[in-house]
Amino acid sequence: MDGYFGSYVLVAALLAIGVAIVAGALLANRLLRPSRPTPDKLTTYECGVDPVGDGWAQSQVRYYVFTYLYVVFAVDAVFLFPWATVFDAPGYGLTTLVEMFVFLGFIALGIVYAWRKRVLTWT
């Protein structure tokens, strides 16, 4: 397993073993489980309330906007952690600090834009 492709063969073998274990577990579950479907078991169950009425419910856009903003800031946090680890390394001082403040400036500009468009108001 020496050479360039040796490590790739090892990763592929471990991946194949992992897939085989998961597939074997799912197959064993399917073979060993009891199967006694009844009309009560086949009905839709949601939060203990019997399903009544139409299945279509329209949601307001603001919930999606809040979710989108959360995802954006979570991704920003992912970029902040590596920066914090590299910032202390020699040779990355002022340049890294300026780059991060430019990045945070773009993020702040996005927050100000969302705030001015009244996207962040809950009511």
C-alpha atoms as a PDB file:
ATOM      1  CA  MET A   1       0.000   0.000   0.000  1.00  0.00           C
ATOM      2  CA  ASP A   2       2.884   2.341  -0.596  1.00  0.00           C
ATOM      3  CA  GLY A   3       2.846   5.022  -3.207  1.00  0.00           C
ATOM      4  CA  TYR A   4       0.436   7.702  -4.266  1.00  0.00           C
ATOM      5  CA  PHE A   5      -2.713   5.601  -4.653  1.00  0.00           C
ATOM      6  CA  GLY A   6      -2.102   3.423  -1.586  1.00  0.00           C
ATOM      7  CA  SER A   7      -3.820   5.811   0.801  1.00  0.00           C
ATOM      8  CA  TYR A   8      -6.767   6.124  -1.585  1.00  0.00           C
ATOM      9  CA  VAL A   9      -7.153   2.343  -1.674  1.00  0.00           C
ATOM     10  CA  LEU A  10      -7.194   2.291   2.120  1.00  0.00           C
ATOM     11  CA  VAL A  11      -9.862   5.017   2.266  1.00  0.00           C
ATOM     12  CA  ALA A  12     -11.960   3.202  -0.357  1.00  0.00           C
ATOM     13  CA  ALA A  13     -11.665  -0.077   1.564  1.00  0.00           C
ATOM     14  CA  LEU A  14     -12.736   1.580   4.815  1.00  0.00           C
ATOM     15  CA  LEU A  15     -15.638   3.254   3.009  1.00  0.00           C
ATOM     16  CA  ALA A  16     -16.736  -0.076   1.547  1.00  0.00           C
ATOM     17  CA  ILE A  17     -16.546  -1.711   4.983  1.00  0.00           C
ATOM     18  CA  GLY A  18     -18.627   1.105   6.482  1.00  0.00           C
ATOM     19  CA  VAL A  19     -21.258   0.835   3.741  1.00  0.00           C
ATOM     20  CA  ALA A  20     -21.384  -2.951   4.193  1.00  0.00           C
ATOM     21  CA  ILE A  21     -21.904  -2.604   7.953  1.00  0.00           C
ATOM     22  CA  VAL A  22     -24.717  -0.071   7.516  1.00  0.00           C
ATOM     23  CA  ALA A  23     -26.369  -2.115   4.751  1.00  0.00           C
ATOM     24  CA  GLY A  24     -26.083  -5.283   6.881  1.00  0.00           C
ATOM     25  CA  ALA A  25     -27.670  -3.545   9.863  1.00  0.00           C
ATOM     26  CA  LEU A  26     -30.552  -2.250   7.739  1.00  0.00           C
ATOM     27  CA  LEU A  27     -31.063  -5.674   6.179  1.00  0.00           C
ATOM     28  CA  ALA A  28     -31.059  -7.371   9.586  1.00  0.00           C
ATOM     29  CA  ASN A  29     -33.578  -4.824  10.822  1.00  0.00           C
ATOM     30  CA  ARG A  30     -35.884  -5.518   7.880  1.00  0.00           C
ATOM     31  CA  LEU A  31     -35.631  -9.290   8.304  1.00  0.00           C
ATOM     32  CA  LEU A  32     -36.086  -9.364  12.095  1.00  0.00           C
ATOM     33  CA  ARG A  33     -38.798  -6.755  12.615  1.00  0.00           C
ATOM     34  CA  PRO A  34     -42.425  -7.737  13.140  1.00  0.00           C
ATOM     35  CA  SER A  35     -44.744  -6.690  10.355  1.00  0.00           C
ATOM     36  CA  ARG A  36     -48.370  -6.361  11.440  1.00  0.00           C
ATOM     37  CA  PRO A  37     -49.845  -3.358   9.605  1.00  0.00           C
ATOM     38  CA  THR A  38     -53.291  -2.234  10.765  1.00  0.00           C
ATOM     39  CA  PRO A  39     -55.379   0.713   9.554  1.00  0.00           C
ATOM     40  CA  ASP A  40     -54.520   2.606  12.748  1.00  0.00           C
ATOM     41  CA  LYS A  41     -50.798   2.106  12.215  1.00  0.00           C
ATOM     42  CA  LEU A  42     -51.009   3.296   8.610  1.00  0.00           C
ATOM     43  CA  THR A  43     -52.697   6.645   9.391  1.00  0.00           C
ATOM     44  CA  THR A  44     -50.677   9.839   9.426  1.00  0.00           C
ATOM     45  CA  TYR A  45     -49.558  10.790  12.941  1.00  0.00           C
ATOM     46  CA  GLU A  46     -48.371  14.227  13.824  1.00  0.00           C
ATOM     47  CA  CYS A  47     -47.909  15.501  17.367  1.00  0.00           C
ATOM     48  CA  GLY A  48     -50.739  13.406  18.767  1.00  0.00           C
ATOM     49  CA  VAL A  49     -53.407  15.289  16.836  1.00  0.00           C
ATOM     50  CA  ASP A  50     -55.611  13.456  14.350  1.00  0.00           C
ATOM     51  CA  PRO A  51     -55.061  14.756  10.826  1.00  0.00           C
ATOM     52  CA  VAL A  52     -58.070  16.831   9.807  1.00  0.00           C
ATOM     53  CA  GLY A  53     -58.604  18.971   6.745  1.00  0.00           C
ATOM     54  CA  ASP A  54     -56.377  19.840   3.867  1.00  0.00           C
ATOM     55  CA  GLY A  55     -52.677  18.980   3.952  1.00  0.00           C
ATOM     56  CA  TRP A  56     -51.685  22.361   2.483  1.00  0.00           C
ATOM     57  CA  ALA A  57     -50.715  25.078   4.954  1.00  0.00           C
ATOM     58  CA  GLN A  58     -49.082  28.255   3.786  1.00  0.00           C
ATOM     59  CA  SER A  59     -46.196  29.638   5.851  1.00  0.00           C
ATOM     60  CA  GLN A  60     -45.114  33.228   5.981  1.00  0.00           C
ATOM     61  CA  VAL A  61     -41.928  34.212   4.204  1.00  0.00           C
ATOM     62  CA  ARG A  62     -40.380  35.748   7.320  1.00  0.00           C
ATOM     63  CA  TYR A  63     -39.686  32.315   8.790  1.00  0.00           C
ATOM     64  CA  TYR A  64     -37.632  31.422   5.729  1.00  0.00           C
ATOM     65  CA  VAL A  65     -35.801  34.750   5.947  1.00  0.00           C
ATOM     66  CA  PHE A  66     -34.880  34.101   9.578  1.00  0.00           C
ATOM     67  CA  THR A  67     -33.682  30.632   8.629  1.00  0.00           C
ATOM     68  CA  TYR A  68     -31.627  32.029   5.765  1.00  0.00           C
ATOM     69  CA  LEU A  69     -30.059  34.660   8.016  1.00  0.00           C
ATOM     70  CA  TYR A  70     -29.225  31.990  10.591  1.00  0.00           C
ATOM     71  CA  VAL A  71     -27.508  29.859   7.946  1.00  0.00           C
ATOM     72  CA  VAL A  72     -25.537  32.869   6.705  1.00  0.00           C
ATOM     73  CA  PHE A  73     -24.297  33.708  10.198  1.00  0.00           C
ATOM     74  CA  ALA A  74     -23.522  30.074  10.975  1.00  0.00           C
ATOM     75  CA  VAL A  75     -21.335  29.939   7.874  1.00  0.00           C
ATOM     76  CA  ASP A  76     -19.697  33.175   8.988  1.00  0.00           C
ATOM     77  CA  ALA A  77     -18.877  31.589  12.328  1.00  0.00           C
ATOM     78  CA  VAL A  78     -17.264  28.716  10.442  1.00  0.00           C
ATOM     79  CA  PHE A  79     -14.981  31.241   8.752  1.00  0.00           C
ATOM     80  CA  LEU A  80     -14.203  33.039  12.022  1.00  0.00           C
ATOM     81  CA  PHE A  81     -12.822  30.018  13.889  1.00  0.00           C
ATOM     82  CA  PRO A  82      -9.971  29.223  11.470  1.00  0.00           C
ATOM     83  CA  TRP A  83      -9.112  32.907  11.331  1.00  0.00           C
ATOM     84  CA  ALA A  84      -8.810  32.997  15.113  1.00  0.00           C
ATOM     85  CA  THR A  85      -6.364  30.094  15.055  1.00  0.00           C
ATOM     86  CA  VAL A  86      -4.213  31.534  12.258  1.00  0.00           C
ATOM     87  CA  PHE A  87      -4.199  35.089  13.609  1.00  0.00           C
ATOM     88  CA  ASP A  88      -1.683  34.238  16.331  1.00  0.00           C
ATOM     89  CA  ALA A  89       0.761  32.587  13.894  1.00  0.00           C
ATOM     90  CA  PRO A  90       3.839  34.625  12.990  1.00  0.00           C
ATOM     91  CA  GLY A  91       3.604  36.589   9.780  1.00  0.00           C
ATOM     92  CA  TYR A  92      -0.205  36.886   9.686  1.00  0.00           C
ATOM     93  CA  GLY A  93      -0.742  39.909  11.950  1.00  0.00           C
ATOM     94  CA  LEU A  94      -2.043  43.086  10.349  1.00  0.00           C
ATOM     95  CA  THR A  95      -2.954  41.623   6.953  1.00  0.00           C
ATOM     96  CA  THR A  96      -5.149  38.950   8.489  1.00  0.00           C
ATOM     97  CA  LEU A  97      -6.749  41.482  10.812  1.00  0.00           C
ATOM     98  CA  VAL A  98      -7.608  43.808   7.914  1.00  0.00           C
ATOM     99  CA  GLU A  99      -9.025  40.951   5.835  1.00  0.00           C
ATOM    100  CA  MET A 100     -11.256  39.835   8.707  1.00  0.00           C
ATOM    101  CA  PHE A 101     -12.551  43.344   9.292  1.00  0.00           C
ATOM    102  CA  VAL A 102     -13.401  43.610   5.589  1.00  0.00           C
ATOM    103  CA  PHE A 103     -15.262  40.309   5.875  1.00  0.00           C
ATOM    104  CA  LEU A 104     -17.101  41.444   9.008  1.00  0.00           C
ATOM    105  CA  GLY A 105     -17.881  44.737   7.261  1.00  0.00           C
ATOM    106  CA  PHE A 106     -19.691  42.866   4.495  1.00  0.00           C
ATOM    107  CA  ILE A 107     -21.607  40.910   7.119  1.00  0.00           C
ATOM    108  CA  ALA A 108     -22.521  44.109   8.982  1.00  0.00           C
ATOM    109  CA  LEU A 109     -23.624  45.659   5.706  1.00  0.00           C
ATOM    110  CA  GLY A 110     -25.947  42.694   5.155  1.00  0.00           C
ATOM    111  CA  ILE A 111     -27.418  43.084   8.641  1.00  0.00           C
ATOM    112  CA  VAL A 112     -27.984  46.803   8.130  1.00  0.00           C
ATOM    113  CA  TYR A 113     -29.634  46.112   4.768  1.00  0.00           C
ATOM    114  CA  ALA A 114     -31.969  43.505   6.301  1.00  0.00           C
ATOM    115  CA  TRP A 115     -32.742  45.831   9.181  1.00  0.00           C
ATOM    116  CA  ARG A 116     -33.516  48.785   6.868  1.00  0.00           C
ATOM    117  CA  LYS A 117     -35.797  46.605   4.734  1.00  0.00           C
ATOM    118  CA  ARG A 118     -37.627  45.685   7.987  1.00  0.00           C
ATOM    119  CA  VAL A 119     -36.911  42.010   7.467  1.00  0.00           C
ATOM    120  CA  LEU A 120     -35.796  41.507  11.064  1.00  0.00           C
ATOM    121  CA  THR A 121     -39.087  42.654  12.615  1.00  0.00           C
ATOM    122  CA  TRP A 122     -41.104  39.768  14.001  1.00  0.00           C
ATOM    123  CA  THR A 123     -44.599  41.303  13.849  1.00  0.00           C
END
